[in-house]
C-alpha atoms as a PDB file:
ATOM      1  CA  UNK A   1       1.511  31.397  53.864  1.00  0.00           C
ATOM      2  CA  UNK A   2       2.698  34.443  56.011  1.00  0.00           C
ATOM      3  CA  UNK A   3       1.027  36.979  53.571  1.00  0.00           C
ATOM      4  CA  UNK A   4      -2.036  34.657  53.257  1.00  0.00           C
ATOM      5  CA  UNK A   5      -2.089  34.769  57.373  1.00  0.00           C
ATOM      6  CA  UNK A   6      -1.876  38.356  57.701  1.00  0.00           C
ATOM      7  CA  UNK A   7      -4.979  38.613  55.276  1.00  0.00           C
ATOM      8  CA  UNK A   8      -7.171  36.055  57.404  1.00  0.00           C
ATOM      9  CA  UNK A   9      -6.353  38.433  60.254  1.00  0.00           C
ATOM     10  CA  UNK A  10      -8.242  40.982  59.068  1.00  0.00           C
ATOM     11  CA  UNK A  11     -10.725  40.469  55.583  1.00  0.00           C
ATOM     12  CA  UNK A  12     -10.932  37.467  54.173  1.00  0.00           C
ATOM     13  CA  UNK A  13     -14.360  35.595  55.139  1.00  0.00           C
ATOM     14  CA  UNK A  14     -14.198  31.931  53.478  1.00  0.00           C
ATOM     15  CA  UNK A  15     -10.114  30.136  53.100  1.00  0.00           C
ATOM     16  CA  UNK A  16     -10.076  26.864  51.357  1.00  0.00           C
ATOM     17  CA  UNK A  17      -6.819  25.304  52.072  1.00  0.00           C
ATOM     18  CA  UNK A  18      -7.930  21.845  51.473  1.00  0.00           C
ATOM     19  CA  UNK A  19      -5.942  19.248  49.729  1.00  0.00           C
ATOM     20  CA  UNK A  20      -3.346  22.098  49.952  1.00  0.00           C
ATOM     21  CA  UNK A  21      -0.581  19.835  52.575  1.00  0.00           C
ATOM     22  CA  UNK A  22       0.008  22.973  54.710  1.00  0.00           C
ATOM     23  CA  UNK A  23       0.879  20.136  57.044  1.00  0.00           C
ATOM     24  CA  UNK A  24       1.719  21.778  61.462  1.00  0.00           C
ATOM     25  CA  UNK A  25       3.677  24.210  60.262  1.00  0.00           C
ATOM     26  CA  UNK A  26       1.349  25.895  57.833  1.00  0.00           C
ATOM     27  CA  UNK A  27      -1.281  25.074  60.837  1.00  0.00           C
ATOM     28  CA  UNK A  28       0.352  27.107  63.241  1.00  0.00           C
ATOM     29  CA  UNK A  29       0.674  30.207  61.240  1.00  0.00           C
ATOM     30  CA  UNK A  30      -2.752  29.859  60.871  1.00  0.00           C
ATOM     31  CA  UNK A  31      -3.966  29.569  64.042  1.00  0.00           C
ATOM     32  CA  UNK A  32      -1.954  32.750  65.047  1.00  0.00           C
ATOM     33  CA  UNK A  33      -3.741  34.405  62.106  1.00  0.00           C
ATOM     34  CA  UNK A  34      -7.288  33.267  63.023  1.00  0.00           C
ATOM     35  CA  UNK A  35      -6.881  33.916  66.816  1.00  0.00           C
ATOM     36  CA  UNK A  36      -6.732  37.544  65.670  1.00  0.00           C
ATOM     37  CA  UNK A  37      -9.409  39.734  67.528  1.00  0.00           C
ATOM     38  CA  UNK A  38     -10.190  41.519  64.019  1.00  0.00           C
ATOM     39  CA  UNK A  39     -10.562  38.396  61.567  1.00  0.00           C
ATOM     40  CA  UNK A  40     -13.559  38.209  60.014  1.00  0.00           C
ATOM     41  CA  UNK A  41     -13.123  34.790  58.625  1.00  0.00           C
ATOM     42  CA  UNK A  42     -16.135  32.492  58.651  1.00  0.00           C
ATOM     43  CA  UNK A  43     -15.062  29.709  56.846  1.00  0.00           C
ATOM     44  CA  UNK A  44     -12.870  27.487  57.304  1.00  0.00           C
ATOM     45  CA  UNK A  45     -11.850  24.536  55.150  1.00  0.00           C
ATOM     46  CA  UNK A  46      -8.752  22.567  55.607  1.00  0.00           C
ATOM     47  CA  UNK A  47      -9.976  18.780  54.447  1.00  0.00           C
ATOM     48  CA  UNK A  48      -6.641  16.678  53.561  1.00  0.00           C
ATOM     49  CA  UNK A  49      -3.983  19.264  54.290  1.00  0.00           C
ATOM     50  CA  UNK A  50      -1.749  16.843  55.951  1.00  0.00           C
ATOM     51  CA  UNK A  51      -2.563  18.160  59.784  1.00  0.00           C
ATOM     52  CA  UNK A  52      -1.035  16.700  62.968  1.00  0.00           C
ATOM     53  CA  UNK A  53      -1.393  16.430  66.463  1.00  0.00           C
ATOM     54  CA  UNK A  54       1.301  19.338  66.549  1.00  0.00           C
ATOM     55  CA  UNK A  55      -0.815  21.188  64.377  1.00  0.00           C
ATOM     56  CA  UNK A  56      -4.240  20.978  65.529  1.00  0.00           C
ATOM     57  CA  UNK A  57      -3.206  21.924  68.896  1.00  0.00           C
ATOM     58  CA  UNK A  58      -2.538  25.360  67.854  1.00  0.00           C
ATOM     59  CA  UNK A  59      -5.845  25.302  66.112  1.00  0.00           C
ATOM     60  CA  UNK A  60      -7.486  23.761  69.035  1.00  0.00           C
ATOM     61  CA  UNK A  61      -6.345  27.060  70.700  1.00  0.00           C
ATOM     62  CA  UNK A  62      -7.230  29.464  67.982  1.00  0.00           C
ATOM     63  CA  UNK A  63     -10.625  28.202  68.333  1.00  0.00           C
ATOM     64  CA  UNK A  64     -11.265  28.824  71.926  1.00  0.00           C
ATOM     65  CA  UNK A  65     -10.481  32.676  71.487  1.00  0.00           C
ATOM     66  CA  UNK A  66     -12.240  33.122  67.852  1.00  0.00           C
ATOM     67  CA  UNK A  67     -15.615  34.626  67.876  1.00  0.00           C
ATOM     68  CA  UNK A  68     -16.078  34.944  63.855  1.00  0.00           C
ATOM     69  CA  UNK A  69     -16.223  31.244  62.530  1.00  0.00           C
ATOM     70  CA  UNK A  70     -19.004  29.355  61.650  1.00  0.00           C
ATOM     71  CA  UNK A  71     -17.874  26.647  59.924  1.00  0.00           C
ATOM     72  CA  UNK A  72     -14.921  24.373  60.030  1.00  0.00           C
ATOM     73  CA  UNK A  73     -14.084  21.256  57.657  1.00  0.00           C
ATOM     74  CA  UNK A  74     -10.845  19.466  59.467  1.00  0.00           C
ATOM     75  CA  UNK A  75     -12.158  16.035  57.614  1.00  0.00           C
ATOM     76  CA  UNK A  76      -9.177  13.746  56.762  1.00  0.00           C
ATOM     77  CA  UNK A  77      -6.396  15.087  58.799  1.00  0.00           C
ATOM     78  CA  UNK A  78      -4.813  12.847  61.841  1.00  0.00           C
ATOM     79  CA  UNK A  79      -6.059  14.685  64.579  1.00  0.00           C
ATOM     80  CA  UNK A  80      -6.999  12.140  67.036  1.00  0.00           C
ATOM     81  CA  UNK A  81      -4.507  13.113  69.604  1.00  0.00           C
ATOM     82  CA  UNK A  82      -5.612  16.401  69.463  1.00  0.00           C
ATOM     83  CA  UNK A  83      -9.717  15.701  69.700  1.00  0.00           C
ATOM     84  CA  UNK A  84     -10.155  16.254  72.990  1.00  0.00           C
ATOM     85  CA  UNK A  85      -8.252  19.702  73.043  1.00  0.00           C
ATOM     86  CA  UNK A  86     -10.246  20.945  69.699  1.00  0.00           C
ATOM     87  CA  UNK A  87     -13.992  19.618  71.414  1.00  0.00           C
ATOM     88  CA  UNK A  88     -13.227  21.660  74.050  1.00  0.00           C
ATOM     89  CA  UNK A  89     -11.754  24.875  72.043  1.00  0.00           C
ATOM     90  CA  UNK A  90     -14.756  24.478  69.639  1.00  0.00           C
ATOM     91  CA  UNK A  91     -17.450  23.868  72.989  1.00  0.00           C
ATOM     92  CA  UNK A  92     -15.917  27.498  73.891  1.00  0.00           C
ATOM     93  CA  UNK A  93     -17.027  29.110  70.469  1.00  0.00           C
ATOM     94  CA  UNK A  94     -20.278  30.488  70.935  1.00  0.00           C
ATOM     95  CA  UNK A  95     -20.842  30.626  66.631  1.00  0.00           C
ATOM     96  CA  UNK A  96     -20.026  27.652  65.252  1.00  0.00           C
ATOM     97  CA  UNK A  97     -22.638  25.869  63.363  1.00  0.00           C
ATOM     98  CA  UNK A  98     -21.111  23.527  60.963  1.00  0.00           C
ATOM     99  CA  UNK A  99     -18.395  20.846  62.374  1.00  0.00           C
ATOM    100  CA  UNK A 100     -16.672  18.625  59.538  1.00  0.00           C
ATOM    101  CA  UNK A 101     -14.594  15.745  61.047  1.00  0.00           C
ATOM    102  CA  UNK A 102     -14.808  13.179  58.692  1.00  0.00           C
ATOM    103  CA  UNK A 103     -12.184  10.262  58.487  1.00  0.00           C
ATOM    104  CA  UNK A 104     -10.194  12.117  61.269  1.00  0.00           C
ATOM    105  CA  UNK A 105      -9.220   9.033  63.360  1.00  0.00           C
ATOM    106  CA  UNK A 106     -11.673   9.756  66.493  1.00  0.00           C
ATOM    107  CA  UNK A 107     -12.627   6.218  67.027  1.00  0.00           C
ATOM    108  CA  UNK A 108     -15.343   5.749  70.288  1.00  0.00           C
ATOM    109  CA  UNK A 109     -13.048   8.137  72.486  1.00  0.00           C
ATOM    110  CA  UNK A 110     -13.247  10.934  69.924  1.00  0.00           C
ATOM    111  CA  UNK A 111     -17.260  10.799  69.858  1.00  0.00           C
ATOM    112  CA  UNK A 112     -17.681  10.930  73.365  1.00  0.00           C
ATOM    113  CA  UNK A 113     -15.132  14.072  73.805  1.00  0.00           C
ATOM    114  CA  UNK A 114     -17.744  15.936  70.699  1.00  0.00           C
ATOM    115  CA  UNK A 115     -20.577  14.272  72.578  1.00  0.00           C
ATOM    116  CA  UNK A 116     -19.682  17.098  75.481  1.00  0.00           C
ATOM    117  CA  UNK A 117     -19.763  19.411  72.637  1.00  0.00           C
ATOM    118  CA  UNK A 118     -22.938  19.042  71.184  1.00  0.00           C
ATOM    119  CA  UNK A 119     -24.511  18.324  74.054  1.00  0.00           C
ATOM    120  CA  UNK A 120     -23.683  22.359  75.666  1.00  0.00           C
ATOM    121  CA  UNK A 121     -24.094  23.891  72.042  1.00  0.00           C
ATOM    122  CA  UNK A 122     -27.121  26.246  70.865  1.00  0.00           C
ATOM    123  CA  UNK A 123     -25.793  27.649  67.468  1.00  0.00           C
ATOM    124  CA  UNK A 124     -24.071  24.066  66.010  1.00  0.00           C
ATOM    125  CA  UNK A 125     -27.155  22.713  63.224  1.00  0.00           C
ATOM    126  CA  UNK A 126     -24.520  20.337  61.403  1.00  0.00           C
ATOM    127  CA  UNK A 127     -22.019  18.089  62.750  1.00  0.00           C
ATOM    128  CA  UNK A 128     -19.888  15.604  59.924  1.00  0.00           C
ATOM    129  CA  UNK A 129     -18.161  12.554  61.648  1.00  0.00           C
ATOM    130  CA  UNK A 130     -17.901  10.186  58.882  1.00  0.00           C
ATOM    131  CA  UNK A 131     -15.264   6.984  58.728  1.00  0.00           C
ATOM    132  CA  UNK A 132     -14.490   7.547  61.951  1.00  0.00           C
ATOM    133  CA  UNK A 133     -14.790   3.770  63.349  1.00  0.00           C
ATOM    134  CA  UNK A 134     -16.554   5.695  66.475  1.00  0.00           C
ATOM    135  CA  UNK A 135     -18.817   1.691  66.804  1.00  0.00           C
ATOM    136  CA  UNK A 136     -21.912   1.652  68.937  1.00  0.00           C
ATOM    137  CA  UNK A 137     -19.909   2.532  71.993  1.00  0.00           C
ATOM    138  CA  UNK A 138     -19.046   6.002  70.254  1.00  0.00           C
ATOM    139  CA  UNK A 139     -22.839   6.369  68.943  1.00  0.00           C
ATOM    140  CA  UNK A 140     -24.348   5.651  72.916  1.00  0.00           C
ATOM    141  CA  UNK A 141     -21.957   9.125  73.831  1.00  0.00           C
ATOM    142  CA  UNK A 142     -24.181  10.880  70.348  1.00  0.00           C
ATOM    143  CA  UNK A 143     -27.146   9.440  71.138  1.00  0.00           C
ATOM    144  CA  UNK A 144     -27.090  10.663  74.494  1.00  0.00           C
ATOM    145  CA  UNK A 145     -26.433  14.380  73.421  1.00  0.00           C
ATOM    146  CA  UNK A 146     -28.884  14.408  70.887  1.00  0.00           C
ATOM    147  CA  UNK A 147     -31.018  13.723  73.566  1.00  0.00           C
ATOM    148  CA  UNK A 148     -30.264  16.912  75.331  1.00  0.00           C
ATOM    149  CA  UNK A 149     -29.466  18.947  71.975  1.00  0.00           C
ATOM    150  CA  UNK A 150     -32.384  21.263  70.204  1.00  0.00           C
ATOM    151  CA  UNK A 151     -29.952  22.976  67.585  1.00  0.00           C
ATOM    152  CA  UNK A 152     -28.519  20.281  65.827  1.00  0.00           C
ATOM    153  CA  UNK A 153     -30.591  19.697  62.005  1.00  0.00           C
ATOM    154  CA  UNK A 154     -28.244  17.484  60.475  1.00  0.00           C
ATOM    155  CA  UNK A 155     -25.470  14.340  61.535  1.00  0.00           C
ATOM    156  CA  UNK A 156     -23.517  12.204  59.284  1.00  0.00           C
ATOM    157  CA  UNK A 157     -22.564   9.187  60.921  1.00  0.00           C
ATOM    158  CA  UNK A 158     -21.925   7.417  57.437  1.00  0.00           C
ATOM    159  CA  UNK A 159     -19.225   4.216  57.540  1.00  0.00           C
ATOM    160  CA  UNK A 160     -18.470   4.217  61.327  1.00  0.00           C
ATOM    161  CA  UNK A 161     -19.024   0.358  62.210  1.00  0.00           C
ATOM    162  CA  UNK A 162     -22.526   0.857  63.715  1.00  0.00           C
ATOM    163  CA  UNK A 163     -24.397  -2.133  64.472  1.00  0.00           C
ATOM    164  CA  UNK A 164     -28.206  -2.531  65.417  1.00  0.00           C
ATOM    165  CA  UNK A 165     -27.590  -1.410  69.143  1.00  0.00           C
ATOM    166  CA  UNK A 166     -26.146   1.756  68.185  1.00  0.00           C
ATOM    167  CA  UNK A 167     -28.874   2.311  65.574  1.00  0.00           C
ATOM    168  CA  UNK A 168     -31.281   1.225  68.412  1.00  0.00           C
ATOM    169  CA  UNK A 169     -29.644   4.118  70.991  1.00  0.00           C
ATOM    170  CA  UNK A 170     -29.873   7.172  68.195  1.00  0.00           C
ATOM    171  CA  UNK A 171     -33.454   5.979  67.345  1.00  0.00           C
ATOM    172  CA  UNK A 172     -34.268   6.264  70.998  1.00  0.00           C
ATOM    173  CA  UNK A 173     -32.599   9.651  70.958  1.00  0.00           C
ATOM    174  CA  UNK A 174     -34.978  11.052  68.151  1.00  0.00           C
ATOM    175  CA  UNK A 175     -37.676  10.400  70.469  1.00  0.00           C
ATOM    176  CA  UNK A 176     -36.852  13.191  72.657  1.00  0.00           C
ATOM    177  CA  UNK A 177     -34.823  15.304  70.490  1.00  0.00           C
ATOM    178  CA  UNK A 178     -37.339  16.383  67.738  1.00  0.00           C
ATOM    179  CA  UNK A 179     -35.777  18.325  66.139  1.00  0.00           C
ATOM    180  CA  UNK A 180     -33.131  16.337  63.973  1.00  0.00           C
ATOM    181  CA  UNK A 181     -33.985  16.436  59.938  1.00  0.00           C
ATOM    182  CA  UNK A 182     -30.982  15.166  58.304  1.00  0.00           C
ATOM    183  CA  UNK A 183     -30.039  11.556  59.302  1.00  0.00           C
ATOM    184  CA  UNK A 184     -26.917  10.174  57.569  1.00  0.00           C
ATOM    185  CA  UNK A 185     -26.217   6.393  58.936  1.00  0.00           C
ATOM    186  CA  UNK A 186     -25.284   4.805  55.682  1.00  0.00           C
ATOM    187  CA  UNK A 187     -22.326   2.271  55.039  1.00  0.00           C
ATOM    188  CA  UNK A 188     -22.906   0.617  59.104  1.00  0.00           C
ATOM    189  CA  UNK A 189     -24.054  -2.696  59.576  1.00  0.00           C
ATOM    190  CA  UNK A 190     -27.081  -2.506  61.409  1.00  0.00           C
ATOM    191  CA  UNK A 191     -29.180  -4.487  59.419  1.00  0.00           C
ATOM    192  CA  UNK A 192     -33.177  -5.053  59.746  1.00  0.00           C
ATOM    193  CA  UNK A 193     -32.716  -5.319  63.675  1.00  0.00           C
ATOM    194  CA  UNK A 194     -31.072  -2.197  63.123  1.00  0.00           C
ATOM    195  CA  UNK A 195     -33.423  -0.326  60.514  1.00  0.00           C
ATOM    196  CA  UNK A 196     -36.533  -1.985  62.701  1.00  0.00           C
ATOM    197  CA  UNK A 197     -35.742  -0.190  65.870  1.00  0.00           C
ATOM    198  CA  UNK A 198     -35.934   3.164  63.823  1.00  0.00           C
ATOM    199  CA  UNK A 199     -38.704   2.313  61.874  1.00  0.00           C
ATOM    200  CA  UNK A 200     -40.818   1.937  65.175  1.00  0.00           C
ATOM    201  CA  UNK A 201     -39.510   5.762  65.869  1.00  0.00           C
ATOM    202  CA  UNK A 202     -40.276   6.942  62.712  1.00  0.00           C
ATOM    203  CA  UNK A 203     -43.818   5.925  62.655  1.00  0.00           C
ATOM    204  CA  UNK A 204     -44.605   7.778  66.049  1.00  0.00           C
ATOM    205  CA  UNK A 205     -42.298  10.821  66.583  1.00  0.00           C
ATOM    206  CA  UNK A 206     -39.422  12.646  65.181  1.00  0.00           C
ATOM    207  CA  UNK A 207     -38.757  15.498  62.661  1.00  0.00           C
ATOM    208  CA  UNK A 208     -36.436  13.675  60.323  1.00  0.00           C
ATOM    209  CA  UNK A 209     -37.106  14.664  56.401  1.00  0.00           C
ATOM    210  CA  UNK A 210     -33.563  13.014  55.084  1.00  0.00           C
ATOM    211  CA  UNK A 211     -32.742   9.687  56.119  1.00  0.00           C
ATOM    212  CA  UNK A 212     -29.532   7.230  54.606  1.00  0.00           C
ATOM    213  CA  UNK A 213     -29.633   3.800  55.227  1.00  0.00           C
ATOM    214  CA  UNK A 214     -27.625   2.799  51.874  1.00  0.00           C
ATOM    215  CA  UNK A 215     -24.950   0.205  51.928  1.00  0.00           C
ATOM    216  CA  UNK A 216     -26.472  -1.190  55.769  1.00  0.00           C
ATOM    217  CA  UNK A 217     -27.000  -4.647  55.362  1.00  0.00           C
ATOM    218  CA  UNK A 218     -30.502  -4.563  55.174  1.00  0.00           C
ATOM    219  CA  UNK A 219     -33.029  -7.210  53.179  1.00  0.00           C
ATOM    220  CA  UNK A 220     -36.560  -7.598  51.795  1.00  0.00           C
ATOM    221  CA  UNK A 221     -37.443  -7.319  55.810  1.00  0.00           C
ATOM    222  CA  UNK A 222     -36.137  -3.422  55.490  1.00  0.00           C
ATOM    223  CA  UNK A 223     -38.617  -2.727  52.836  1.00  0.00           C
ATOM    224  CA  UNK A 224     -41.251  -4.109  54.794  1.00  0.00           C
ATOM    225  CA  UNK A 225     -40.350  -1.950  57.931  1.00  0.00           C
ATOM    226  CA  UNK A 226     -40.022   1.342  55.840  1.00  0.00           C
ATOM    227  CA  UNK A 227     -43.108   0.581  53.522  1.00  0.00           C
ATOM    228  CA  UNK A 228     -44.671   0.378  57.281  1.00  0.00           C
ATOM    229  CA  UNK A 229     -43.491   3.409  57.823  1.00  0.00           C
ATOM    230  CA  UNK A 230     -44.302   5.651  55.166  1.00  0.00           C
ATOM    231  CA  UNK A 231     -48.068   4.866  55.572  1.00  0.00           C
ATOM    232  CA  UNK A 232     -48.151   6.529  58.582  1.00  0.00           C
ATOM    233  CA  UNK A 233     -45.086   8.723  58.789  1.00  0.00           C
ATOM    234  CA  UNK A 234     -45.912  12.505  56.802  1.00  0.00           C
ATOM    235  CA  UNK A 235     -42.087  14.451  57.657  1.00  0.00           C
ATOM    236  CA  UNK A 236     -39.608  12.005  55.628  1.00  0.00           C
ATOM    237  CA  UNK A 237     -39.125  13.980  52.028  1.00  0.00           C
ATOM    238  CA  UNK A 238     -36.007  11.808  51.290  1.00  0.00           C
ATOM    239  CA  UNK A 239     -35.029   8.393  51.712  1.00  0.00           C
ATOM    240  CA  UNK A 240     -31.963   6.572  50.628  1.00  0.00           C
ATOM    241  CA  UNK A 241     -31.971   2.713  50.668  1.00  0.00           C
ATOM    242  CA  UNK A 242     -29.704   2.212  48.101  1.00  0.00           C
ATOM    243  CA  UNK A 243     -26.435  -0.258  47.952  1.00  0.00           C
ATOM    244  CA  UNK A 244     -28.750  -3.193  49.459  1.00  0.00           C
ATOM    245  CA  UNK A 245     -29.865  -6.416  48.729  1.00  0.00           C
ATOM    246  CA  UNK A 246     -33.442  -5.920  49.562  1.00  0.00           C
ATOM    247  CA  UNK A 247     -35.111  -7.851  46.235  1.00  0.00           C
ATOM    248  CA  UNK A 248     -37.985  -7.725  44.715  1.00  0.00           C
ATOM    249  CA  UNK A 249     -40.557  -9.814  46.946  1.00  0.00           C
ATOM    250  CA  UNK A 250     -41.802  -6.389  49.408  1.00  0.00           C
ATOM    251  CA  UNK A 251     -42.476  -3.679  46.490  1.00  0.00           C
ATOM    252  CA  UNK A 252     -46.042  -4.157  46.225  1.00  0.00           C
ATOM    253  CA  UNK A 253     -45.932  -3.318  50.004  1.00  0.00           C
ATOM    254  CA  UNK A 254     -43.951   0.007  48.917  1.00  0.00           C
ATOM    255  CA  UNK A 255     -46.444   0.311  45.901  1.00  0.00           C
ATOM    256  CA  UNK A 256     -49.295   0.626  48.465  1.00  0.00           C
ATOM    257  CA  UNK A 257     -47.542   2.997  51.039  1.00  0.00           C
ATOM    258  CA  UNK A 258     -46.444   5.109  48.540  1.00  0.00           C
ATOM    259  CA  UNK A 259     -50.371   5.036  47.550  1.00  0.00           C
ATOM    260  CA  UNK A 260     -51.126   7.011  50.539  1.00  0.00           C
ATOM    261  CA  UNK A 261     -48.088   8.766  51.451  1.00  0.00           C
ATOM    262  CA  UNK A 262     -48.052  12.521  50.585  1.00  0.00           C
ATOM    263  CA  UNK A 263     -44.586  13.732  51.978  1.00  0.00           C
ATOM    264  CA  UNK A 264     -41.798  11.726  50.184  1.00  0.00           C
ATOM    265  CA  UNK A 265     -40.200  12.961  47.224  1.00  0.00           C
ATOM    266  CA  UNK A 266     -37.544  10.616  46.396  1.00  0.00           C
ATOM    267  CA  UNK A 267     -36.682   7.024  47.088  1.00  0.00           C
ATOM    268  CA  UNK A 268     -33.267   5.920  46.371  1.00  0.00           C
ATOM    269  CA  UNK A 269     -32.789   2.043  45.336  1.00  0.00           C
ATOM    270  CA  UNK A 270     -29.926  -0.092  43.358  1.00  0.00           C
ATOM    271  CA  UNK A 271     -30.759  -1.897  40.449  1.00  0.00           C
ATOM    272  CA  UNK A 272     -28.603  -4.702  42.215  1.00  0.00           C
ATOM    273  CA  UNK A 273     -30.439  -4.461  44.978  1.00  0.00           C
ATOM    274  CA  UNK A 274     -33.090  -5.606  43.719  1.00  0.00           C
ATOM    275  CA  UNK A 275     -32.533  -7.864  41.194  1.00  0.00           C
ATOM    276  CA  UNK A 276     -33.848  -8.276  37.325  1.00  0.00           C
ATOM    277  CA  UNK A 277     -37.567  -9.782  38.827  1.00  0.00           C
ATOM    278  CA  UNK A 278     -37.444  -6.562  40.968  1.00  0.00           C
ATOM    279  CA  UNK A 279     -36.432  -3.813  38.580  1.00  0.00           C
ATOM    280  CA  UNK A 280     -39.306  -5.408  35.886  1.00  0.00           C
ATOM    281  CA  UNK A 281     -41.889  -5.465  38.890  1.00  0.00           C
ATOM    282  CA  UNK A 282     -40.529  -2.160  39.460  1.00  0.00           C
ATOM    283  CA  UNK A 283     -41.455  -0.728  36.182  1.00  0.00           C
ATOM    284  CA  UNK A 284     -44.951  -2.532  36.396  1.00  0.00           C
ATOM    285  CA  UNK A 285     -45.524  -0.416  39.656  1.00  0.00           C
ATOM    286  CA  UNK A 286     -47.863   2.840  39.213  1.00  0.00           C
ATOM    287  CA  UNK A 287     -45.398   4.380  41.764  1.00  0.00           C
ATOM    288  CA  UNK A 288     -42.518   4.457  39.661  1.00  0.00           C
ATOM    289  CA  UNK A 289     -43.858   6.860  37.157  1.00  0.00           C
ATOM    290  CA  UNK A 290     -44.457   9.620  39.667  1.00  0.00           C
ATOM    291  CA  UNK A 291     -40.546  10.363  39.623  1.00  0.00           C
ATOM    292  CA  UNK A 292     -40.474   9.464  43.144  1.00  0.00           C
ATOM    293  CA  UNK A 293     -38.545   6.299  42.601  1.00  0.00           C
ATOM    294  CA  UNK A 294     -34.843   6.422  41.818  1.00  0.00           C
ATOM    295  CA  UNK A 295     -32.848   3.371  40.888  1.00  0.00           C
ATOM    296  CA  UNK A 296     -29.553   3.776  40.642  1.00  0.00           C
END
């Protein structure tokens, strides 16, 4: 690790130590290296590296002074106790573009800390907070940040115990935002009510090109909602509605929507969610054969 740290302090551009279990001691040595003003390190991947509060604290101090890093991945580490320090540190880093903090045990308080960073950042383009249990409470903070941020193009909030109130807040933020292009809120439980709120926004505003609402407790009512959206929305390119029990009742409405929609290129549906009747009907739809619908 000592030899590697010397290289990091000078010429290395990309370092991937994911799944290497460097632990807190390794993180401390690494932090010293990336604090070096001569470092050229741009990409740092530390996914599932057995880093906890002690090591994360050293990394936070390093992030605050580093001026070369653009991409950071700290997913899969137990950094919840250090999330405020990390958020404050990266708030001071003016070059960061991509931050991944999935499965980092952040919860709602961590989301609130990082939302402050999102509010002030002008360089951040992508943030991944999947699997952190941020709930609706944390979602409100994220939504407030999106209302004022104009640099973020992609955000992942997959598997975060978000209900219809949380997705409603995110939906409202899109009206003011107008810049977000990719939103992943799959694996939550907002259901038809939440998607209805999101759909209402997508019919009148927004720049979303990719939307993932997979495994979100949706039924046929949500297929109706998105069919209505697709009749007027000319921005959405990829829509993932897989792993939802949407049935076959509203497939004709989807077909009619696709007849007038020119922007959607890929729509993911689940074979299990459609049922055999739904699959049979889907095969009869003209738009199934233009490769825009993919069953998985």
